[in-house]
Amino acid sequence: MQASAKRRYYQNQAPRRLSATSAAHHSEFLRTGRIDRTAPTWDRETKRYLSFEEVAERTNRKLVRAGETTHERLNAFHEAIRFPKVIFSRAFEEIPHLGYCHVTTASTRFAQRGPVHWSFYIANFSSDISESYPFFENIRSGNVRMYFAVAYEKAAGDTLRIDRSMRKDGLLFRTANPREAMKNLLLLGAPSQSLRTMIKKL
């Protein structure tokens, strides 16, 4: 990634149409009977540079909207599957056009072990999961989203850490496909085997 000092953000303004009924054009038409076709009818594109705070605000707004939409779809699937709404987002300080949104947190019982606590996130980039919070490394930007659920456990005090007892990176799933993410989440939230069987057929 580029250093923050070299990164600048700007907003493209839509081209603005110039008035075609100005006094000069009107007088010219009355005098000669001709319309000047060479005069520009569109203003040049203008740029307004954005602060990092403005970019972060826009990033967070988009991520929260995606999180809320996803949460609504999850809880609309079946009355037996309900996820709590725990939505918050974070944009990276040095690269505020990138960020992630926490959508929900829950517990799932897996065979031959106790409940596994996990959280589900949406990120507007792809990356590997690192050892420490916010647990992203090798961030790869582009027109891509990353949907993932990560297991966690309580650490010293009130802090949390990634639970690596199931998998080394603590991931329950990670995908760039929103449909696949929904299916995995519904499987994690399904309270019965019959419901899980139905979801697997989707």
N, C-alpha and C. Protein backbone atom coordinates (compact mmCIF):
# COMPACT_ATOMS: atom_id res chain seq x y z
N MET A 1 0.84 -1.19 0.00
CA MET A 1 0.00 0.00 0.00
C MET A 1 0.88 1.24 0.00
N GLN A 2 0.39 2.31 -0.58
CA GLN A 2 1.15 3.54 -0.59
C GLN A 2 1.13 4.18 0.78
N ALA A 3 2.16 4.95 1.06
CA ALA A 3 2.19 5.69 2.31
C ALA A 3 1.10 6.72 2.32
N SER A 4 0.55 7.00 3.53
CA SER A 4 -0.59 7.91 3.63
C SER A 4 -0.24 9.31 3.15
N ALA A 5 1.03 9.72 3.29
CA ALA A 5 1.43 11.07 2.88
C ALA A 5 1.29 11.25 1.36
N LYS A 6 1.36 10.16 0.60
CA LYS A 6 1.28 10.25 -0.85
C LYS A 6 -0.15 10.00 -1.36
N ARG A 7 -1.04 9.64 -0.47
CA ARG A 7 -2.39 9.30 -0.89
C ARG A 7 -3.31 10.50 -0.77
N ARG A 8 -4.05 10.79 -1.86
CA ARG A 8 -5.02 11.88 -1.84
C ARG A 8 -6.33 11.36 -2.40
N TYR A 9 -7.42 11.81 -1.81
CA TYR A 9 -8.74 11.40 -2.26
C TYR A 9 -9.48 12.61 -2.80
N TYR A 10 -10.23 12.40 -3.85
CA TYR A 10 -11.05 13.50 -4.36
C TYR A 10 -12.37 12.95 -4.87
N GLN A 11 -13.34 13.85 -4.91
CA GLN A 11 -14.67 13.51 -5.39
C GLN A 11 -14.85 14.09 -6.78
N ASN A 12 -15.24 13.25 -7.71
CA ASN A 12 -15.55 13.73 -9.06
C ASN A 12 -16.92 14.38 -9.05
N GLN A 13 -16.96 15.63 -9.47
CA GLN A 13 -18.26 16.31 -9.61
C GLN A 13 -18.82 15.99 -10.99
N ALA A 14 -20.11 15.78 -11.06
CA ALA A 14 -20.74 15.53 -12.36
C ALA A 14 -20.59 16.76 -13.24
N PRO A 15 -20.30 16.59 -14.54
CA PRO A 15 -20.20 17.75 -15.44
C PRO A 15 -21.47 18.59 -15.40
N ARG A 16 -21.32 19.90 -15.38
CA ARG A 16 -22.45 20.82 -15.26
C ARG A 16 -22.75 21.44 -16.61
N ARG A 17 -24.00 21.35 -17.03
CA ARG A 17 -24.40 21.91 -18.33
C ARG A 17 -24.48 23.42 -18.23
N LEU A 18 -23.86 24.10 -19.18
CA LEU A 18 -23.90 25.55 -19.22
C LEU A 18 -25.21 26.03 -19.81
N SER A 19 -25.65 27.18 -19.39
CA SER A 19 -26.90 27.75 -19.88
C SER A 19 -26.79 28.06 -21.37
N ALA A 20 -27.78 27.62 -22.13
CA ALA A 20 -27.78 27.86 -23.59
C ALA A 20 -28.60 29.10 -23.95
N THR A 21 -29.13 29.79 -22.95
CA THR A 21 -30.01 30.94 -23.22
C THR A 21 -29.41 32.22 -22.66
N SER A 22 -28.08 32.33 -22.71
CA SER A 22 -27.45 33.54 -22.22
C SER A 22 -27.76 34.70 -23.14
N ALA A 23 -27.61 35.95 -22.65
CA ALA A 23 -27.93 37.15 -23.43
C ALA A 23 -27.08 37.22 -24.69
N ALA A 24 -25.79 36.83 -24.59
CA ALA A 24 -24.90 36.91 -25.74
C ALA A 24 -25.36 35.97 -26.85
N HIS A 25 -25.70 34.73 -26.50
CA HIS A 25 -26.14 33.78 -27.51
C HIS A 25 -27.46 34.24 -28.14
N HIS A 26 -28.35 34.78 -27.33
CA HIS A 26 -29.65 35.24 -27.82
C HIS A 26 -29.48 36.39 -28.82
N SER A 27 -28.62 37.34 -28.46
CA SER A 27 -28.38 38.50 -29.35
C SER A 27 -27.74 38.07 -30.65
N GLU A 28 -26.82 37.12 -30.58
CA GLU A 28 -26.13 36.64 -31.78
C GLU A 28 -27.12 35.98 -32.73
N PHE A 29 -28.07 35.23 -32.19
CA PHE A 29 -29.07 34.57 -33.02
C PHE A 29 -29.98 35.59 -33.71
N LEU A 30 -30.40 36.65 -32.97
CA LEU A 30 -31.27 37.67 -33.54
C LEU A 30 -30.54 38.46 -34.64
N ARG A 31 -29.23 38.65 -34.45
CA ARG A 31 -28.47 39.44 -35.41
C ARG A 31 -28.16 38.67 -36.68
N THR A 32 -27.78 37.39 -36.56
CA THR A 32 -27.32 36.62 -37.72
C THR A 32 -28.25 35.49 -38.11
N GLY A 33 -29.12 35.09 -37.21
CA GLY A 33 -30.00 33.95 -37.51
C GLY A 33 -29.29 32.63 -37.37
N ARG A 34 -28.06 32.63 -36.83
CA ARG A 34 -27.29 31.39 -36.66
C ARG A 34 -27.07 31.11 -35.17
N ILE A 35 -26.94 29.84 -34.85
CA ILE A 35 -26.61 29.42 -33.49
C ILE A 35 -25.16 28.98 -33.47
N ASP A 36 -24.40 29.50 -32.54
CA ASP A 36 -22.98 29.14 -32.43
C ASP A 36 -22.85 27.73 -31.85
N ARG A 37 -22.48 26.78 -32.71
CA ARG A 37 -22.35 25.38 -32.27
C ARG A 37 -20.99 25.09 -31.65
N THR A 38 -20.06 26.05 -31.70
CA THR A 38 -18.72 25.79 -31.19
C THR A 38 -18.60 26.09 -29.70
N ALA A 39 -19.56 26.82 -29.16
CA ALA A 39 -19.47 27.16 -27.73
C ALA A 39 -19.64 25.91 -26.88
N PRO A 40 -18.86 25.77 -25.83
CA PRO A 40 -19.00 24.57 -24.97
C PRO A 40 -20.34 24.58 -24.24
N THR A 41 -20.97 23.42 -24.19
CA THR A 41 -22.24 23.28 -23.47
C THR A 41 -22.07 22.58 -22.13
N TRP A 42 -20.83 22.12 -21.85
CA TRP A 42 -20.57 21.44 -20.59
C TRP A 42 -19.38 22.08 -19.90
N ASP A 43 -19.52 22.25 -18.61
CA ASP A 43 -18.41 22.75 -17.81
C ASP A 43 -17.38 21.64 -17.65
N ARG A 44 -16.13 22.02 -17.44
CA ARG A 44 -15.10 21.03 -17.22
C ARG A 44 -15.34 20.29 -15.90
N GLU A 45 -14.88 19.03 -15.87
CA GLU A 45 -14.99 18.25 -14.63
C GLU A 45 -14.15 18.90 -13.54
N THR A 46 -14.72 19.02 -12.37
CA THR A 46 -14.01 19.63 -11.25
C THR A 46 -13.70 18.58 -10.19
N LYS A 47 -12.66 18.83 -9.44
CA LYS A 47 -12.26 17.92 -8.36
C LYS A 47 -12.33 18.64 -7.02
N ARG A 48 -12.90 17.95 -6.05
CA ARG A 48 -12.86 18.45 -4.68
C ARG A 48 -12.14 17.41 -3.84
N TYR A 49 -11.02 17.81 -3.27
CA TYR A 49 -10.24 16.87 -2.49
C TYR A 49 -10.89 16.64 -1.14
N LEU A 50 -10.86 15.39 -0.69
CA LEU A 50 -11.51 14.98 0.55
C LEU A 50 -10.47 14.73 1.62
N SER A 51 -10.82 15.03 2.85
CA SER A 51 -9.95 14.73 3.98
C SER A 51 -10.08 13.24 4.31
N PHE A 52 -9.11 12.73 5.06
CA PHE A 52 -9.16 11.34 5.47
C PHE A 52 -10.41 11.08 6.31
N GLU A 53 -10.83 12.07 7.10
CA GLU A 53 -12.01 11.91 7.93
C GLU A 53 -13.27 11.76 7.08
N GLU A 54 -13.35 12.55 6.00
CA GLU A 54 -14.50 12.45 5.10
C GLU A 54 -14.54 11.09 4.40
N VAL A 55 -13.38 10.62 3.98
CA VAL A 55 -13.31 9.32 3.32
C VAL A 55 -13.71 8.21 4.29
N ALA A 56 -13.21 8.28 5.53
CA ALA A 56 -13.55 7.28 6.54
C ALA A 56 -15.04 7.28 6.82
N GLU A 57 -15.64 8.46 6.89
CA GLU A 57 -17.08 8.56 7.15
C GLU A 57 -17.87 7.89 6.03
N ARG A 58 -17.48 8.13 4.79
CA ARG A 58 -18.17 7.51 3.65
C ARG A 58 -17.98 6.00 3.66
N THR A 59 -16.76 5.55 3.97
CA THR A 59 -16.48 4.12 4.03
C THR A 59 -17.35 3.45 5.09
N ASN A 60 -17.38 4.04 6.28
CA ASN A 60 -18.18 3.47 7.37
C ASN A 60 -19.66 3.44 7.02
N ARG A 61 -20.14 4.49 6.37
CA ARG A 61 -21.56 4.54 6.02
C ARG A 61 -21.93 3.40 5.06
N LYS A 62 -21.08 3.16 4.06
CA LYS A 62 -21.35 2.09 3.11
C LYS A 62 -21.28 0.71 3.78
N LEU A 63 -20.30 0.53 4.66
CA LEU A 63 -20.14 -0.76 5.32
C LEU A 63 -21.31 -1.04 6.26
N VAL A 64 -21.74 -0.03 7.01
CA VAL A 64 -22.87 -0.21 7.92
C VAL A 64 -24.14 -0.55 7.14
N ARG A 65 -24.33 0.11 6.00
CA ARG A 65 -25.50 -0.19 5.17
C ARG A 65 -25.46 -1.64 4.71
N ALA A 66 -24.28 -2.12 4.31
CA ALA A 66 -24.14 -3.52 3.89
C ALA A 66 -24.40 -4.46 5.05
N GLY A 67 -23.92 -4.10 6.25
CA GLY A 67 -24.14 -4.92 7.43
C GLY A 67 -25.60 -5.01 7.81
N GLU A 68 -26.30 -3.89 7.75
CA GLU A 68 -27.72 -3.89 8.10
C GLU A 68 -28.55 -4.70 7.11
N THR A 69 -28.23 -4.57 5.83
CA THR A 69 -28.94 -5.34 4.81
C THR A 69 -28.72 -6.83 5.00
N THR A 70 -27.48 -7.22 5.28
CA THR A 70 -27.15 -8.63 5.50
C THR A 70 -27.87 -9.16 6.72
N HIS A 71 -27.89 -8.40 7.80
CA HIS A 71 -28.55 -8.84 9.03
C HIS A 71 -30.05 -9.03 8.81
N GLU A 72 -30.67 -8.13 8.09
CA GLU A 72 -32.11 -8.25 7.79
C GLU A 72 -32.40 -9.52 6.99
N ARG A 73 -31.56 -9.81 6.02
CA ARG A 73 -31.77 -11.01 5.20
C ARG A 73 -31.57 -12.29 6.01
N LEU A 74 -30.60 -12.28 6.90
CA LEU A 74 -30.37 -13.45 7.74
C LEU A 74 -31.59 -13.76 8.60
N ASN A 75 -32.12 -12.76 9.27
CA ASN A 75 -33.23 -12.98 10.19
C ASN A 75 -34.56 -13.15 9.47
N ALA A 76 -34.61 -12.87 8.18
CA ALA A 76 -35.84 -13.07 7.42
C ALA A 76 -35.94 -14.47 6.83
N PHE A 77 -34.89 -15.27 6.95
CA PHE A 77 -34.88 -16.58 6.30
C PHE A 77 -35.84 -17.56 6.97
N HIS A 78 -35.77 -17.70 8.29
CA HIS A 78 -36.60 -18.68 9.02
C HIS A 78 -36.79 -18.18 10.44
N GLU A 79 -37.98 -18.38 10.95
CA GLU A 79 -38.29 -17.86 12.29
C GLU A 79 -37.48 -18.52 13.39
N ALA A 80 -36.91 -19.69 13.12
CA ALA A 80 -36.10 -20.38 14.12
C ALA A 80 -34.66 -19.90 14.16
N ILE A 81 -34.26 -19.10 13.17
CA ILE A 81 -32.88 -18.59 13.11
C ILE A 81 -32.91 -17.09 13.37
N ARG A 82 -32.30 -16.69 14.46
CA ARG A 82 -32.25 -15.28 14.83
C ARG A 82 -30.83 -14.93 15.29
N PHE A 83 -30.28 -13.91 14.68
CA PHE A 83 -28.95 -13.42 15.06
C PHE A 83 -29.09 -12.05 15.70
N PRO A 84 -28.36 -11.77 16.77
CA PRO A 84 -28.40 -10.42 17.36
C PRO A 84 -27.78 -9.39 16.43
N LYS A 85 -28.27 -8.19 16.50
CA LYS A 85 -27.75 -7.10 15.66
C LYS A 85 -26.67 -6.37 16.44
N VAL A 86 -25.43 -6.58 16.06
CA VAL A 86 -24.28 -5.94 16.72
C VAL A 86 -23.43 -5.31 15.62
N ILE A 87 -23.89 -4.19 15.09
CA ILE A 87 -23.25 -3.60 13.92
C ILE A 87 -22.39 -2.41 14.29
N PHE A 88 -21.13 -2.48 13.91
CA PHE A 88 -20.23 -1.33 14.00
C PHE A 88 -19.15 -1.50 12.93
N SER A 89 -18.58 -0.39 12.51
CA SER A 89 -17.58 -0.46 11.44
C SER A 89 -16.33 0.32 11.82
N ARG A 90 -15.25 -0.01 11.15
CA ARG A 90 -13.97 0.68 11.34
C ARG A 90 -13.30 0.87 9.99
N ALA A 91 -12.88 2.10 9.72
CA ALA A 91 -12.06 2.37 8.53
C ALA A 91 -10.62 2.49 9.00
N PHE A 92 -9.68 2.05 8.19
CA PHE A 92 -8.28 2.11 8.58
C PHE A 92 -7.80 3.56 8.58
N GLU A 93 -7.04 3.93 9.57
CA GLU A 93 -6.60 5.31 9.73
C GLU A 93 -5.73 5.77 8.58
N GLU A 94 -4.81 4.94 8.12
CA GLU A 94 -3.88 5.33 7.07
C GLU A 94 -4.44 5.14 5.66
N ILE A 95 -5.43 4.26 5.54
CA ILE A 95 -6.05 3.97 4.24
C ILE A 95 -7.57 3.95 4.44
N PRO A 96 -8.19 5.11 4.65
CA PRO A 96 -9.59 5.15 5.09
C PRO A 96 -10.62 4.73 4.05
N HIS A 97 -10.21 4.46 2.82
CA HIS A 97 -11.18 3.93 1.87
C HIS A 97 -11.39 2.44 2.07
N LEU A 98 -10.60 1.83 2.94
CA LEU A 98 -10.74 0.42 3.28
C LEU A 98 -11.19 0.28 4.73
N GLY A 99 -12.05 -0.69 4.97
CA GLY A 99 -12.53 -0.91 6.33
C GLY A 99 -13.33 -2.20 6.42
N TYR A 100 -13.86 -2.44 7.63
CA TYR A 100 -14.63 -3.66 7.86
C TYR A 100 -15.80 -3.35 8.78
N CYS A 101 -16.81 -4.21 8.73
CA CYS A 101 -18.01 -4.03 9.52
C CYS A 101 -18.32 -5.31 10.29
N HIS A 102 -18.50 -5.19 11.60
CA HIS A 102 -18.96 -6.30 12.43
C HIS A 102 -20.48 -6.33 12.33
N VAL A 103 -21.05 -7.49 12.03
CA VAL A 103 -22.49 -7.60 11.79
C VAL A 103 -23.21 -8.28 12.93
N THR A 104 -22.70 -9.42 13.38
CA THR A 104 -23.37 -10.16 14.45
C THR A 104 -22.37 -11.05 15.17
N THR A 105 -22.77 -11.51 16.34
CA THR A 105 -21.96 -12.44 17.11
C THR A 105 -22.89 -13.48 17.72
N ALA A 106 -22.43 -14.73 17.79
CA ALA A 106 -23.29 -15.80 18.28
C ALA A 106 -22.42 -16.96 18.75
N SER A 107 -23.08 -18.03 19.17
CA SER A 107 -22.40 -19.25 19.59
C SER A 107 -22.99 -20.43 18.83
N THR A 108 -22.15 -21.39 18.49
CA THR A 108 -22.59 -22.58 17.78
C THR A 108 -21.96 -23.80 18.45
N ARG A 109 -22.76 -24.84 18.63
CA ARG A 109 -22.24 -26.10 19.19
C ARG A 109 -21.81 -27.01 18.05
N PHE A 110 -20.58 -27.45 18.13
CA PHE A 110 -20.06 -28.41 17.17
C PHE A 110 -19.96 -29.77 17.84
N ALA A 111 -20.01 -30.82 17.03
CA ALA A 111 -19.94 -32.18 17.57
C ALA A 111 -18.66 -32.39 18.37
N GLN A 112 -18.79 -33.06 19.50
CA GLN A 112 -17.67 -33.46 20.35
C GLN A 112 -16.90 -32.28 20.94
N ARG A 113 -17.56 -31.14 21.10
CA ARG A 113 -16.93 -30.04 21.80
C ARG A 113 -18.00 -29.06 22.26
N GLY A 114 -17.64 -28.18 23.14
CA GLY A 114 -18.58 -27.21 23.68
C GLY A 114 -18.92 -26.13 22.67
N PRO A 115 -19.63 -25.09 23.11
CA PRO A 115 -20.01 -24.01 22.19
C PRO A 115 -18.79 -23.22 21.70
N VAL A 116 -18.86 -22.79 20.46
CA VAL A 116 -17.82 -21.94 19.88
C VAL A 116 -18.43 -20.56 19.68
N HIS A 117 -17.79 -19.55 20.26
CA HIS A 117 -18.26 -18.17 20.10
C HIS A 117 -17.60 -17.58 18.86
N TRP A 118 -18.36 -16.87 18.08
CA TRP A 118 -17.83 -16.33 16.83
C TRP A 118 -18.48 -15.00 16.49
N SER A 119 -17.81 -14.26 15.61
CA SER A 119 -18.33 -13.00 15.09
C SER A 119 -18.23 -13.03 13.57
N PHE A 120 -19.18 -12.34 12.94
CA PHE A 120 -19.22 -12.27 11.48
C PHE A 120 -18.91 -10.85 11.03
N TYR A 121 -18.05 -10.74 10.00
CA TYR A 121 -17.60 -9.45 9.49
C TYR A 121 -17.76 -9.37 7.98
N ILE A 122 -17.90 -8.14 7.49
CA ILE A 122 -17.81 -7.83 6.07
C ILE A 122 -16.68 -6.83 5.90
N ALA A 123 -15.78 -7.07 4.96
CA ALA A 123 -14.67 -6.15 4.68
C ALA A 123 -14.69 -5.79 3.20
N ASN A 124 -14.29 -4.56 2.87
CA ASN A 124 -14.25 -4.16 1.45
C ASN A 124 -12.85 -4.35 0.87
N PHE A 125 -12.21 -5.43 1.29
CA PHE A 125 -10.90 -5.83 0.79
C PHE A 125 -10.75 -7.31 1.09
N SER A 126 -9.67 -7.91 0.65
CA SER A 126 -9.35 -9.28 1.03
C SER A 126 -8.00 -9.27 1.74
N SER A 127 -7.80 -10.22 2.63
CA SER A 127 -6.55 -10.25 3.39
C SER A 127 -6.39 -11.61 4.07
N ASP A 128 -5.22 -11.80 4.66
CA ASP A 128 -5.00 -12.94 5.54
C ASP A 128 -5.33 -12.52 6.96
N ILE A 129 -5.58 -13.50 7.81
CA ILE A 129 -5.89 -13.21 9.22
C ILE A 129 -4.61 -13.33 10.03
N SER A 130 -4.32 -12.28 10.81
CA SER A 130 -3.07 -12.23 11.55
C SER A 130 -3.29 -12.64 13.01
N GLU A 131 -2.25 -12.54 13.80
CA GLU A 131 -2.29 -12.99 15.19
C GLU A 131 -3.05 -12.04 16.10
N SER A 132 -3.02 -10.75 15.82
CA SER A 132 -3.56 -9.78 16.76
C SER A 132 -4.65 -8.93 16.13
N TYR A 133 -5.52 -8.37 16.96
CA TYR A 133 -6.60 -7.49 16.51
C TYR A 133 -6.00 -6.21 15.92
N PRO A 134 -6.50 -5.67 14.81
CA PRO A 134 -7.68 -6.12 14.09
C PRO A 134 -7.47 -7.28 13.13
N PHE A 135 -6.46 -8.04 13.33
CA PHE A 135 -6.17 -9.32 12.68
C PHE A 135 -6.22 -9.34 11.15
N PHE A 136 -5.73 -8.29 10.51
CA PHE A 136 -5.62 -8.28 9.05
C PHE A 136 -4.17 -8.08 8.65
N GLU A 137 -3.70 -8.86 7.68
CA GLU A 137 -2.38 -8.67 7.13
C GLU A 137 -2.41 -9.03 5.65
N ASN A 138 -1.45 -8.50 4.91
CA ASN A 138 -1.41 -8.68 3.45
C ASN A 138 -2.72 -8.23 2.82
N ILE A 139 -3.11 -7.01 3.15
CA ILE A 139 -4.36 -6.47 2.64
C ILE A 139 -4.27 -6.26 1.14
N ARG A 140 -5.29 -6.75 0.43
CA ARG A 140 -5.36 -6.62 -1.02
C ARG A 140 -6.65 -5.89 -1.36
N SER A 141 -6.49 -4.68 -1.90
CA SER A 141 -7.67 -3.88 -2.24
C SER A 141 -8.11 -4.20 -3.66
N GLY A 142 -9.20 -3.62 -4.06
CA GLY A 142 -9.77 -3.87 -5.37
C GLY A 142 -11.28 -3.93 -5.22
N ASN A 143 -11.94 -4.21 -6.30
CA ASN A 143 -13.40 -4.27 -6.27
C ASN A 143 -13.85 -5.63 -5.75
N VAL A 144 -13.61 -5.86 -4.44
CA VAL A 144 -13.91 -7.16 -3.84
C VAL A 144 -14.34 -6.96 -2.40
N ARG A 145 -15.19 -7.85 -1.92
CA ARG A 145 -15.56 -7.88 -0.51
C ARG A 145 -15.14 -9.21 0.08
N MET A 146 -14.88 -9.21 1.37
CA MET A 146 -14.54 -10.43 2.07
C MET A 146 -15.56 -10.63 3.18
N TYR A 147 -16.20 -11.79 3.19
CA TYR A 147 -17.17 -12.15 4.22
C TYR A 147 -16.55 -13.27 5.04
N PHE A 148 -16.50 -13.09 6.35
CA PHE A 148 -15.87 -14.14 7.15
C PHE A 148 -16.39 -14.15 8.58
N ALA A 149 -16.32 -15.35 9.17
CA ALA A 149 -16.67 -15.53 10.58
C ALA A 149 -15.43 -16.07 11.28
N VAL A 150 -15.10 -15.48 12.42
CA VAL A 150 -13.91 -15.88 13.15
C VAL A 150 -14.30 -16.25 14.58
N ALA A 151 -13.76 -17.35 15.06
CA ALA A 151 -14.03 -17.79 16.43
C ALA A 151 -13.19 -16.96 17.40
N TYR A 152 -13.74 -16.69 18.58
CA TYR A 152 -13.00 -15.92 19.57
C TYR A 152 -13.19 -16.52 20.95
N GLU A 153 -12.32 -16.15 21.85
CA GLU A 153 -12.39 -16.58 23.25
C GLU A 153 -11.93 -15.45 24.13
N LYS A 154 -12.32 -15.51 25.39
CA LYS A 154 -11.91 -14.48 26.33
C LYS A 154 -10.46 -14.64 26.72
N ALA A 155 -9.78 -13.52 26.79
CA ALA A 155 -8.38 -13.50 27.22
C ALA A 155 -8.31 -12.85 28.60
N ALA A 156 -7.12 -12.46 29.01
CA ALA A 156 -6.95 -11.84 30.32
C ALA A 156 -7.77 -10.55 30.40
N GLY A 157 -8.40 -10.34 31.55
CA GLY A 157 -9.24 -9.15 31.71
C GLY A 157 -10.51 -9.30 30.89
N ASP A 158 -10.91 -8.22 30.26
CA ASP A 158 -12.12 -8.24 29.42
C ASP A 158 -11.80 -8.29 27.93
N THR A 159 -10.56 -8.59 27.59
CA THR A 159 -10.16 -8.62 26.18
C THR A 159 -10.55 -9.94 25.52
N LEU A 160 -10.58 -9.90 24.21
CA LEU A 160 -10.89 -11.10 23.43
C LEU A 160 -9.72 -11.42 22.51
N ARG A 161 -9.61 -12.67 22.15
CA ARG A 161 -8.58 -13.09 21.22
C ARG A 161 -9.15 -14.18 20.32
N ILE A 162 -8.50 -14.38 19.19
CA ILE A 162 -8.95 -15.40 18.24
C ILE A 162 -8.78 -16.78 18.85
N ASP A 163 -9.83 -17.58 18.75
CA ASP A 163 -9.80 -18.96 19.23
C ASP A 163 -9.23 -19.84 18.12
N ARG A 164 -8.03 -20.32 18.33
CA ARG A 164 -7.34 -21.12 17.32
C ARG A 164 -7.38 -22.61 17.63
N SER A 165 -8.32 -23.02 18.49
CA SER A 165 -8.40 -24.43 18.86
C SER A 165 -9.00 -25.29 17.76
N MET A 166 -9.79 -24.67 16.87
CA MET A 166 -10.39 -25.43 15.76
C MET A 166 -9.52 -25.35 14.51
N ARG A 167 -9.11 -24.13 14.19
CA ARG A 167 -8.25 -23.89 13.03
C ARG A 167 -7.18 -22.90 13.43
N LYS A 168 -6.06 -22.96 12.73
CA LYS A 168 -4.92 -22.12 13.10
C LYS A 168 -5.25 -20.64 13.05
N ASP A 169 -6.02 -20.22 12.04
CA ASP A 169 -6.36 -18.81 11.92
C ASP A 169 -7.68 -18.44 12.58
N GLY A 170 -8.38 -19.42 13.13
CA GLY A 170 -9.63 -19.16 13.82
C GLY A 170 -10.82 -18.94 12.91
N LEU A 171 -10.61 -19.04 11.62
CA LEU A 171 -11.70 -18.80 10.67
C LEU A 171 -12.67 -19.98 10.62
N LEU A 172 -13.95 -19.68 10.73
CA LEU A 172 -14.97 -20.69 10.50
C LEU A 172 -15.30 -20.76 9.01
N PHE A 173 -15.25 -19.62 8.35
CA PHE A 173 -15.33 -19.56 6.90
C PHE A 173 -14.86 -18.19 6.44
N ARG A 174 -14.45 -18.14 5.18
CA ARG A 174 -14.09 -16.88 4.52
C ARG A 174 -14.40 -17.04 3.03
N THR A 175 -15.08 -16.04 2.46
CA THR A 175 -15.47 -16.14 1.07
C THR A 175 -15.66 -14.74 0.49
N ALA A 176 -15.59 -14.65 -0.83
CA ALA A 176 -15.90 -13.40 -1.53
C ALA A 176 -17.31 -13.46 -2.12
N ASN A 177 -17.99 -14.58 -1.92
CA ASN A 177 -19.32 -14.80 -2.48
C ASN A 177 -20.39 -14.54 -1.40
N PRO A 178 -21.22 -13.50 -1.55
CA PRO A 178 -22.22 -13.19 -0.51
C PRO A 178 -23.24 -14.30 -0.31
N ARG A 179 -23.59 -15.01 -1.37
CA ARG A 179 -24.55 -16.12 -1.25
C ARG A 179 -23.97 -17.24 -0.40
N GLU A 180 -22.70 -17.56 -0.64
CA GLU A 180 -22.02 -18.59 0.14
C GLU A 180 -21.90 -18.16 1.61
N ALA A 181 -21.63 -16.88 1.83
CA ALA A 181 -21.54 -16.38 3.20
C ALA A 181 -22.86 -16.53 3.94
N MET A 182 -23.97 -16.18 3.28
CA MET A 182 -25.29 -16.32 3.88
C MET A 182 -25.58 -17.77 4.25
N LYS A 183 -25.24 -18.67 3.34
CA LYS A 183 -25.48 -20.09 3.57
C LYS A 183 -24.69 -20.59 4.78
N ASN A 184 -23.42 -20.20 4.87
CA ASN A 184 -22.58 -20.60 6.01
C ASN A 184 -23.12 -20.05 7.33
N LEU A 185 -23.58 -18.79 7.31
CA LEU A 185 -24.13 -18.19 8.52
C LEU A 185 -25.41 -18.88 8.95
N LEU A 186 -26.27 -19.20 8.00
CA LEU A 186 -27.52 -19.89 8.33
C LEU A 186 -27.23 -21.28 8.92
N LEU A 187 -26.22 -21.94 8.40
CA LEU A 187 -25.83 -23.24 8.96
C LEU A 187 -25.34 -23.09 10.40
N LEU A 188 -24.58 -22.02 10.65
CA LEU A 188 -24.09 -21.79 12.02
C LEU A 188 -25.23 -21.45 12.98
N GLY A 189 -26.30 -20.84 12.45
CA GLY A 189 -27.40 -20.43 13.31
C GLY A 189 -28.55 -21.41 13.38
N ALA A 190 -28.53 -22.45 12.53
CA ALA A 190 -29.63 -23.42 12.51
C ALA A 190 -29.66 -24.23 13.80
N PRO A 191 -30.82 -24.32 14.48
CA PRO A 191 -30.90 -25.04 15.76
C PRO A 191 -31.13 -26.54 15.64
N SER A 192 -31.40 -27.04 14.43
CA SER A 192 -31.71 -28.46 14.28
C SER A 192 -31.06 -29.03 13.03
N GLN A 193 -30.91 -30.35 13.03
CA GLN A 193 -30.30 -31.01 11.89
C GLN A 193 -31.20 -30.93 10.67
N SER A 194 -32.51 -31.00 10.87
CA SER A 194 -33.44 -30.93 9.73
C SER A 194 -33.33 -29.58 9.02
N LEU A 195 -33.17 -28.52 9.82
CA LEU A 195 -33.03 -27.19 9.22
C LEU A 195 -31.69 -27.05 8.50
N ARG A 196 -30.65 -27.64 9.07
CA ARG A 196 -29.33 -27.60 8.41
C ARG A 196 -29.37 -28.36 7.08
N THR A 197 -30.09 -29.49 7.07
CA THR A 197 -30.22 -30.26 5.83
C THR A 197 -30.91 -29.44 4.75
N MET A 198 -31.95 -28.70 5.16
CA MET A 198 -32.67 -27.85 4.20
C MET A 198 -31.77 -26.76 3.65
N ILE A 199 -30.97 -26.14 4.51
CA ILE A 199 -30.09 -25.05 4.11
C ILE A 199 -29.01 -25.56 3.14
N LYS A 200 -28.50 -26.75 3.38
CA LYS A 200 -27.46 -27.32 2.53
C LYS A 200 -27.95 -27.55 1.09
N LYS A 201 -29.25 -27.69 0.93
CA LYS A 201 -29.82 -27.93 -0.40
C LYS A 201 -30.00 -26.63 -1.19
N LEU A 202 -29.84 -25.51 -0.54
CA LEU A 202 -30.05 -24.23 -1.22
C LEU A 202 -29.00 -23.99 -2.31
